Amino acid sequence: MWEIARVLRDVELAGEEAIEKTATLTGLAVHGVRAVAAYYRDYKDEVEAWIAEVDRDAEEVYSPDSLR
């Protein structure tokens, strides 16, 4: 879910256009993106915290020092 929320958040559109673009980019059905949008709207802080944690983990795992 957070992956879809990240795409939805980052598209440079709003409303139904953002939902349709996110569906196109992710291959998820529009009704699925709407469900994610509703969840993201209700739990934005929690979803953003999870995305930030995933980003920190990815940076740690894929940092230049860890790839040596």
C-alpha atoms as a PDB file:
ATOM      1  CA  MET A   1       0.000   0.000   0.000  1.00  0.00           C
ATOM      2  CA  TRP A   2       2.739   2.475   0.868  1.00  0.00           C
ATOM      3  CA  GLU A   3       4.275   2.056  -2.577  1.00  0.00           C
ATOM      4  CA  ILE A   4       1.036   3.177  -4.210  1.00  0.00           C
ATOM      5  CA  ALA A   5       0.628   6.004  -1.682  1.00  0.00           C
ATOM      6  CA  ARG A   6       4.128   7.229  -2.567  1.00  0.00           C
ATOM      7  CA  VAL A   7       3.282   7.339  -6.280  1.00  0.00           C
ATOM      8  CA  LEU A   8      -0.051   9.038  -5.594  1.00  0.00           C
ATOM      9  CA  ARG A   9       1.659  11.607  -3.382  1.00  0.00           C
ATOM     10  CA  ASP A  10       4.376  12.329  -5.936  1.00  0.00           C
ATOM     11  CA  VAL A  11       2.352  12.695  -9.144  1.00  0.00           C
ATOM     12  CA  GLU A  12       1.961  16.334 -10.086  1.00  0.00           C
ATOM     13  CA  LEU A  13      -1.802  16.136 -10.371  1.00  0.00           C
ATOM     14  CA  ALA A  14      -4.737  16.279  -7.978  1.00  0.00           C
ATOM     15  CA  GLY A  15      -8.058  14.559  -7.482  1.00  0.00           C
ATOM     16  CA  GLU A  16      -9.281  12.072 -10.039  1.00  0.00           C
ATOM     17  CA  GLU A  17      -6.440  12.910 -12.433  1.00  0.00           C
ATOM     18  CA  ALA A  18      -3.915  11.882  -9.768  1.00  0.00           C
ATOM     19  CA  ILE A  19      -5.814   8.646  -9.141  1.00  0.00           C
ATOM     20  CA  GLU A  20      -5.969   7.795 -12.835  1.00  0.00           C
ATOM     21  CA  LYS A  21      -2.285   8.625 -13.389  1.00  0.00           C
ATOM     22  CA  THR A  22      -1.310   6.516 -10.360  1.00  0.00           C
ATOM     23  CA  ALA A  23      -3.377   3.618 -11.682  1.00  0.00           C
ATOM     24  CA  THR A  24      -1.609   3.880 -15.027  1.00  0.00           C
ATOM     25  CA  LEU A  25       1.863   4.090 -13.477  1.00  0.00           C
ATOM     26  CA  THR A  26       1.339   1.213 -11.050  1.00  0.00           C
ATOM     27  CA  GLY A  27      -0.931  -1.079 -13.033  1.00  0.00           C
ATOM     28  CA  LEU A  28      -3.422  -1.082 -10.157  1.00  0.00           C
ATOM     29  CA  ALA A  29      -7.126  -0.721 -10.928  1.00  0.00           C
ATOM     30  CA  VAL A  30      -8.566   2.755 -10.351  1.00  0.00           C
ATOM     31  CA  HIS A  31     -10.814   1.472  -7.558  1.00  0.00           C
ATOM     32  CA  GLY A  32      -7.727   0.090  -5.814  1.00  0.00           C
ATOM     33  CA  VAL A  33      -5.974   3.448  -6.034  1.00  0.00           C
ATOM     34  CA  ARG A  34      -9.089   5.104  -4.626  1.00  0.00           C
ATOM     35  CA  ALA A  35      -8.946   2.727  -1.666  1.00  0.00           C
ATOM     36  CA  VAL A  36      -5.283   3.592  -1.108  1.00  0.00           C
ATOM     37  CA  ALA A  37      -6.098   7.305  -1.407  1.00  0.00           C
ATOM     38  CA  ALA A  38      -8.794   6.986   1.260  1.00  0.00           C
ATOM     39  CA  TYR A  39      -6.457   5.071   3.575  1.00  0.00           C
ATOM     40  CA  TYR A  40      -3.653   7.576   2.975  1.00  0.00           C
ATOM     41  CA  ARG A  41      -6.003  10.460   3.701  1.00  0.00           C
ATOM     42  CA  ASP A  42      -7.088   8.860   6.997  1.00  0.00           C
ATOM     43  CA  TYR A  43      -3.615   7.677   8.107  1.00  0.00           C
ATOM     44  CA  LYS A  44      -1.267  10.092   6.346  1.00  0.00           C
ATOM     45  CA  ASP A  45       1.130  10.520   9.270  1.00  0.00           C
ATOM     46  CA  GLU A  46       1.527   6.776   9.755  1.00  0.00           C
ATOM     47  CA  VAL A  47       2.009   6.111   6.034  1.00  0.00           C
ATOM     48  CA  GLU A  48       4.549   8.937   5.732  1.00  0.00           C
ATOM     49  CA  ALA A  49       6.431   7.582   8.755  1.00  0.00           C
ATOM     50  CA  TRP A  50       6.560   4.145   7.145  1.00  0.00           C
ATOM     51  CA  ILE A  51       7.792   5.583   3.838  1.00  0.00           C
ATOM     52  CA  ALA A  52      10.501   7.516   5.700  1.00  0.00           C
ATOM     53  CA  GLU A  53      11.560   4.338   7.522  1.00  0.00           C
ATOM     54  CA  VAL A  54      11.741   2.369   4.276  1.00  0.00           C
ATOM     55  CA  ASP A  55      13.810   5.157   2.711  1.00  0.00           C
ATOM     56  CA  ARG A  56      16.221   5.149   5.674  1.00  0.00           C
ATOM     57  CA  ASP A  57      16.590   1.378   5.467  1.00  0.00           C
ATOM     58  CA  ALA A  58      17.221   1.541   1.720  1.00  0.00           C
ATOM     59  CA  GLU A  59      19.835   4.250   2.155  1.00  0.00           C
ATOM     60  CA  GLU A  60      21.563   2.174   4.806  1.00  0.00           C
ATOM     61  CA  VAL A  61      21.560  -1.022   2.758  1.00  0.00           C
ATOM     62  CA  TYR A  62      22.507   0.634  -0.517  1.00  0.00           C
ATOM     63  CA  SER A  63      24.942   3.248   0.774  1.00  0.00           C
ATOM     64  CA  PRO A  64      28.333   3.322  -0.970  1.00  0.00           C
ATOM     65  CA  ASP A  65      29.987   2.003   2.205  1.00  0.00           C
ATOM     66  CA  SER A  66      27.709  -1.033   2.381  1.00  0.00           C
ATOM     67  CA  LEU A  67      28.347  -1.966  -1.244  1.00  0.00           C
ATOM     68  CA  ARG A  68      32.078  -2.394  -0.800  1.00  0.00           C
END
